[in-house]
Amino acid sequence: MSTEPGLYHILIISSLVFFLGIYGFLTRRNMITMLMSAELMLNSANINFVAFNKYLHPENADGIFFSIFIITIAAAEAAVAIAIIIHLYRQIKSIDVNDANNLK
């Protein structure tokens, strides 16, 4: 009897992480929390890439390369987003989305 989780279990966990990210993104007004929620959604995609790679094509490492690419893009996106958030905080002394909406 194998104790390793199957593809079905991994996809359930990935779906939970994705919907947790959607919930956080839609219900929070803090920009940092919204950024972390977007990162959760990207990480659930990474889980899917690695899981499908392991169970469908274990001889290839395509899913792992896609995950590394997504992690790299997410790191760059987070750096730019944090720089924008810091700039907004210096301008209006708040990181609430509604306050940033008043800058239009």
N, C-alpha and C. Protein backbone atom coordinates (compact mmCIF):
# COMPACT_ATOMS: atom_id res chain seq x y z
N MET A 1 0.84 -1.18 0.00
CA MET A 1 0.00 0.00 0.00
C MET A 1 0.88 1.23 0.00
N SER A 2 0.69 2.10 -0.98
CA SER A 2 1.50 3.30 -1.13
C SER A 2 0.92 4.44 -0.28
N THR A 3 1.80 5.18 0.37
CA THR A 3 1.36 6.33 1.16
C THR A 3 1.47 7.63 0.38
N GLU A 4 1.92 7.52 -0.86
CA GLU A 4 2.07 8.70 -1.70
C GLU A 4 0.70 9.18 -2.20
N PRO A 5 0.43 10.48 -2.12
CA PRO A 5 -0.87 10.96 -2.60
C PRO A 5 -0.98 10.85 -4.12
N GLY A 6 -2.18 10.58 -4.59
CA GLY A 6 -2.40 10.46 -6.02
C GLY A 6 -2.67 11.82 -6.65
N LEU A 7 -2.84 11.80 -7.96
CA LEU A 7 -3.08 13.03 -8.71
C LEU A 7 -4.37 13.70 -8.23
N TYR A 8 -5.38 12.92 -7.93
CA TYR A 8 -6.66 13.46 -7.47
C TYR A 8 -6.48 14.27 -6.20
N HIS A 9 -5.72 13.76 -5.25
CA HIS A 9 -5.49 14.47 -3.98
C HIS A 9 -4.72 15.77 -4.19
N ILE A 10 -3.74 15.73 -5.05
CA ILE A 10 -2.94 16.92 -5.32
C ILE A 10 -3.78 17.99 -6.00
N LEU A 11 -4.66 17.58 -6.92
CA LEU A 11 -5.52 18.54 -7.59
C LEU A 11 -6.53 19.16 -6.64
N ILE A 12 -6.99 18.42 -5.67
CA ILE A 12 -7.91 18.97 -4.66
C ILE A 12 -7.19 20.04 -3.85
N ILE A 13 -5.97 19.76 -3.42
CA ILE A 13 -5.19 20.73 -2.65
C ILE A 13 -4.92 21.98 -3.50
N SER A 14 -4.56 21.77 -4.75
CA SER A 14 -4.30 22.90 -5.64
C SER A 14 -5.55 23.74 -5.84
N SER A 15 -6.70 23.10 -5.97
CA SER A 15 -7.96 23.85 -6.12
C SER A 15 -8.28 24.65 -4.87
N LEU A 16 -8.05 24.05 -3.71
CA LEU A 16 -8.29 24.77 -2.45
C LEU A 16 -7.39 25.99 -2.34
N VAL A 17 -6.13 25.84 -2.70
CA VAL A 17 -5.19 26.98 -2.65
C VAL A 17 -5.63 28.06 -3.63
N PHE A 18 -6.06 27.66 -4.83
CA PHE A 18 -6.50 28.63 -5.83
C PHE A 18 -7.73 29.40 -5.35
N PHE A 19 -8.72 28.70 -4.82
CA PHE A 19 -9.93 29.38 -4.37
C PHE A 19 -9.69 30.20 -3.12
N LEU A 20 -8.73 29.81 -2.29
CA LEU A 20 -8.33 30.65 -1.16
C LEU A 20 -7.72 31.95 -1.66
N GLY A 21 -6.94 31.87 -2.73
CA GLY A 21 -6.38 33.08 -3.34
C GLY A 21 -7.45 33.96 -3.93
N ILE A 22 -8.44 33.37 -4.61
CA ILE A 22 -9.54 34.17 -5.17
C ILE A 22 -10.33 34.84 -4.05
N TYR A 23 -10.61 34.10 -3.00
CA TYR A 23 -11.36 34.66 -1.87
C TYR A 23 -10.59 35.84 -1.26
N GLY A 24 -9.31 35.66 -1.04
CA GLY A 24 -8.51 36.75 -0.46
C GLY A 24 -8.43 37.95 -1.37
N PHE A 25 -8.35 37.72 -2.67
CA PHE A 25 -8.25 38.83 -3.62
C PHE A 25 -9.56 39.62 -3.70
N LEU A 26 -10.68 38.92 -3.63
CA LEU A 26 -11.96 39.60 -3.78
C LEU A 26 -12.47 40.23 -2.49
N THR A 27 -12.05 39.74 -1.34
CA THR A 27 -12.62 40.24 -0.08
C THR A 27 -11.72 41.23 0.64
N ARG A 28 -10.47 41.30 0.34
CA ARG A 28 -9.56 42.19 1.06
C ARG A 28 -9.36 43.49 0.29
N ARG A 29 -9.14 44.57 1.01
CA ARG A 29 -8.89 45.86 0.39
C ARG A 29 -7.45 46.31 0.59
N ASN A 30 -6.66 45.54 1.30
CA ASN A 30 -5.26 45.86 1.53
C ASN A 30 -4.44 45.37 0.34
N MET A 31 -3.61 46.23 -0.23
CA MET A 31 -2.86 45.86 -1.43
C MET A 31 -1.87 44.72 -1.19
N ILE A 32 -1.27 44.68 -0.02
CA ILE A 32 -0.32 43.61 0.29
C ILE A 32 -1.05 42.27 0.35
N THR A 33 -2.22 42.25 0.97
CA THR A 33 -3.00 41.01 1.04
C THR A 33 -3.46 40.58 -0.35
N MET A 34 -3.82 41.53 -1.18
CA MET A 34 -4.23 41.19 -2.54
C MET A 34 -3.05 40.62 -3.33
N LEU A 35 -1.86 41.17 -3.11
CA LEU A 35 -0.66 40.64 -3.77
C LEU A 35 -0.37 39.21 -3.31
N MET A 36 -0.51 38.95 -2.02
CA MET A 36 -0.28 37.59 -1.51
C MET A 36 -1.33 36.63 -2.07
N SER A 37 -2.55 37.09 -2.25
CA SER A 37 -3.59 36.24 -2.83
C SER A 37 -3.28 35.89 -4.28
N ALA A 38 -2.77 36.85 -5.02
CA ALA A 38 -2.37 36.57 -6.41
C ALA A 38 -1.23 35.57 -6.44
N GLU A 39 -0.32 35.66 -5.49
CA GLU A 39 0.78 34.70 -5.41
C GLU A 39 0.26 33.30 -5.09
N LEU A 40 -0.77 33.21 -4.25
CA LEU A 40 -1.38 31.90 -3.96
C LEU A 40 -1.95 31.27 -5.23
N MET A 41 -2.60 32.09 -6.06
CA MET A 41 -3.17 31.57 -7.29
C MET A 41 -2.06 31.09 -8.24
N LEU A 42 -0.95 31.82 -8.32
CA LEU A 42 0.17 31.38 -9.15
C LEU A 42 0.78 30.09 -8.61
N ASN A 43 0.87 29.97 -7.30
CA ASN A 43 1.45 28.75 -6.72
C ASN A 43 0.55 27.54 -6.94
N SER A 44 -0.76 27.74 -6.99
CA SER A 44 -1.63 26.60 -7.28
C SER A 44 -1.42 26.13 -8.72
N ALA A 45 -1.15 27.06 -9.63
CA ALA A 45 -0.81 26.65 -11.00
C ALA A 45 0.50 25.87 -11.02
N ASN A 46 1.47 26.28 -10.21
CA ASN A 46 2.73 25.54 -10.12
C ASN A 46 2.51 24.12 -9.61
N ILE A 47 1.65 23.98 -8.62
CA ILE A 47 1.35 22.64 -8.09
C ILE A 47 0.77 21.77 -9.21
N ASN A 48 -0.13 22.34 -10.00
CA ASN A 48 -0.72 21.59 -11.11
C ASN A 48 0.32 21.18 -12.14
N PHE A 49 1.21 22.10 -12.52
CA PHE A 49 2.25 21.77 -13.49
C PHE A 49 3.12 20.60 -13.01
N VAL A 50 3.55 20.66 -11.77
CA VAL A 50 4.42 19.61 -11.25
C VAL A 50 3.66 18.29 -11.11
N ALA A 51 2.41 18.35 -10.66
CA ALA A 51 1.63 17.12 -10.48
C ALA A 51 1.36 16.44 -11.82
N PHE A 52 0.92 17.21 -12.81
CA PHE A 52 0.67 16.60 -14.12
C PHE A 52 1.94 16.08 -14.75
N ASN A 53 3.04 16.79 -14.53
CA ASN A 53 4.32 16.31 -15.05
C ASN A 53 4.69 14.97 -14.41
N LYS A 54 4.51 14.86 -13.11
CA LYS A 54 4.89 13.63 -12.40
C LYS A 54 4.03 12.45 -12.80
N TYR A 55 2.72 12.66 -12.97
CA TYR A 55 1.83 11.55 -13.21
C TYR A 55 1.58 11.25 -14.68
N LEU A 56 1.72 12.23 -15.56
CA LEU A 56 1.45 11.98 -16.97
C LEU A 56 2.71 11.75 -17.80
N HIS A 57 3.75 12.51 -17.54
CA HIS A 57 5.01 12.39 -18.30
C HIS A 57 6.21 12.43 -17.35
N PRO A 58 6.40 11.38 -16.56
CA PRO A 58 7.50 11.43 -15.58
C PRO A 58 8.89 11.44 -16.22
N GLU A 59 8.99 11.06 -17.50
CA GLU A 59 10.30 11.04 -18.14
C GLU A 59 10.75 12.44 -18.57
N ASN A 60 9.81 13.38 -18.70
CA ASN A 60 10.13 14.76 -19.07
C ASN A 60 10.10 15.65 -17.83
N ALA A 61 10.79 16.77 -17.91
CA ALA A 61 10.79 17.73 -16.80
C ALA A 61 10.13 19.04 -17.22
N ASP A 62 9.18 18.97 -18.15
CA ASP A 62 8.55 20.18 -18.65
C ASP A 62 7.78 20.93 -17.57
N GLY A 63 7.02 20.22 -16.75
CA GLY A 63 6.25 20.87 -15.69
C GLY A 63 7.11 21.59 -14.70
N ILE A 64 8.27 21.02 -14.39
CA ILE A 64 9.19 21.65 -13.46
C ILE A 64 9.78 22.92 -14.07
N PHE A 65 10.09 22.89 -15.35
CA PHE A 65 10.63 24.08 -16.01
C PHE A 65 9.57 25.18 -16.09
N PHE A 66 8.32 24.81 -16.36
CA PHE A 66 7.24 25.80 -16.35
C PHE A 66 7.11 26.42 -14.96
N SER A 67 7.21 25.60 -13.92
CA SER A 67 7.09 26.10 -12.56
C SER A 67 8.22 27.07 -12.22
N ILE A 68 9.42 26.74 -12.62
CA ILE A 68 10.55 27.65 -12.37
C ILE A 68 10.34 28.96 -13.12
N PHE A 69 9.84 28.89 -14.34
CA PHE A 69 9.56 30.10 -15.11
C PHE A 69 8.49 30.94 -14.42
N ILE A 70 7.43 30.32 -13.92
CA ILE A 70 6.37 31.04 -13.24
C ILE A 70 6.88 31.67 -11.95
N ILE A 71 7.70 30.96 -11.21
CA ILE A 71 8.27 31.50 -9.97
C ILE A 71 9.12 32.72 -10.27
N THR A 72 9.89 32.67 -11.36
CA THR A 72 10.72 33.81 -11.75
C THR A 72 9.86 35.01 -12.12
N ILE A 73 8.83 34.79 -12.91
CA ILE A 73 7.93 35.88 -13.30
C ILE A 73 7.21 36.42 -12.07
N ALA A 74 6.78 35.56 -11.16
CA ALA A 74 6.08 36.01 -9.96
C ALA A 74 6.99 36.83 -9.06
N ALA A 75 8.26 36.48 -8.99
CA ALA A 75 9.19 37.26 -8.18
C ALA A 75 9.36 38.66 -8.76
N ALA A 76 9.48 38.76 -10.07
CA ALA A 76 9.59 40.07 -10.71
C ALA A 76 8.31 40.87 -10.53
N GLU A 77 7.18 40.21 -10.67
CA GLU A 77 5.89 40.88 -10.49
C GLU A 77 5.73 41.37 -9.05
N ALA A 78 6.14 40.58 -8.09
CA ALA A 78 6.04 40.98 -6.68
C ALA A 78 6.95 42.16 -6.39
N ALA A 79 8.14 42.18 -6.96
CA ALA A 79 9.05 43.30 -6.74
C ALA A 79 8.47 44.60 -7.29
N VAL A 80 7.90 44.55 -8.47
CA VAL A 80 7.29 45.74 -9.07
C VAL A 80 6.07 46.17 -8.26
N ALA A 81 5.23 45.22 -7.87
CA ALA A 81 4.03 45.55 -7.11
C ALA A 81 4.38 46.15 -5.75
N ILE A 82 5.37 45.62 -5.08
CA ILE A 82 5.77 46.17 -3.79
C ILE A 82 6.35 47.57 -3.96
N ALA A 83 7.10 47.80 -5.02
CA ALA A 83 7.61 49.15 -5.29
C ALA A 83 6.47 50.13 -5.51
N ILE A 84 5.44 49.72 -6.24
CA ILE A 84 4.28 50.58 -6.46
C ILE A 84 3.54 50.83 -5.14
N ILE A 85 3.38 49.80 -4.35
CA ILE A 85 2.69 49.95 -3.05
C ILE A 85 3.46 50.89 -2.14
N ILE A 86 4.77 50.77 -2.10
CA ILE A 86 5.59 51.67 -1.26
C ILE A 86 5.45 53.11 -1.75
N HIS A 87 5.46 53.30 -3.06
CA HIS A 87 5.30 54.65 -3.60
C HIS A 87 3.92 55.23 -3.24
N LEU A 88 2.87 54.42 -3.36
CA LEU A 88 1.54 54.88 -2.98
C LEU A 88 1.46 55.20 -1.50
N TYR A 89 2.10 54.40 -0.68
CA TYR A 89 2.08 54.66 0.76
C TYR A 89 2.78 55.98 1.08
N ARG A 90 3.87 56.26 0.39
CA ARG A 90 4.56 57.53 0.61
C ARG A 90 3.71 58.72 0.16
N GLN A 91 2.89 58.53 -0.86
CA GLN A 91 2.07 59.62 -1.38
C GLN A 91 0.82 59.87 -0.55
N ILE A 92 0.10 58.79 -0.20
CA ILE A 92 -1.20 58.98 0.46
C ILE A 92 -1.27 58.38 1.86
N LYS A 93 -0.18 57.80 2.36
CA LYS A 93 -0.10 57.24 3.72
C LYS A 93 -1.13 56.14 3.98
N SER A 94 -1.44 55.37 2.94
CA SER A 94 -2.38 54.26 3.08
C SER A 94 -2.12 53.25 1.97
N ILE A 95 -2.41 51.99 2.27
CA ILE A 95 -2.30 50.96 1.23
C ILE A 95 -3.65 50.33 0.96
N ASP A 96 -4.71 51.05 1.31
CA ASP A 96 -6.06 50.60 1.03
C ASP A 96 -6.39 50.88 -0.44
N VAL A 97 -7.04 49.93 -1.08
CA VAL A 97 -7.35 50.06 -2.51
C VAL A 97 -8.29 51.23 -2.76
N ASN A 98 -9.23 51.46 -1.87
CA ASN A 98 -10.17 52.57 -2.06
C ASN A 98 -9.47 53.92 -2.00
N ASP A 99 -8.46 54.04 -1.15
CA ASP A 99 -7.70 55.29 -1.07
C ASP A 99 -6.89 55.51 -2.34
N ALA A 100 -6.34 54.46 -2.89
CA ALA A 100 -5.56 54.58 -4.13
C ALA A 100 -6.48 54.90 -5.30
N ASN A 101 -7.72 54.50 -5.21
CA ASN A 101 -8.69 54.79 -6.27
C ASN A 101 -8.99 56.29 -6.37
N ASN A 102 -8.77 57.02 -5.28
CA ASN A 102 -9.03 58.47 -5.27
C ASN A 102 -7.95 59.24 -6.01
N LEU A 103 -6.85 58.61 -6.41
CA LEU A 103 -5.77 59.31 -7.09
C LEU A 103 -6.09 59.63 -8.54
N LYS A 104 -7.15 59.09 -9.08
CA LYS A 104 -7.49 59.29 -10.50
C LYS A 104 -7.69 60.73 -10.83
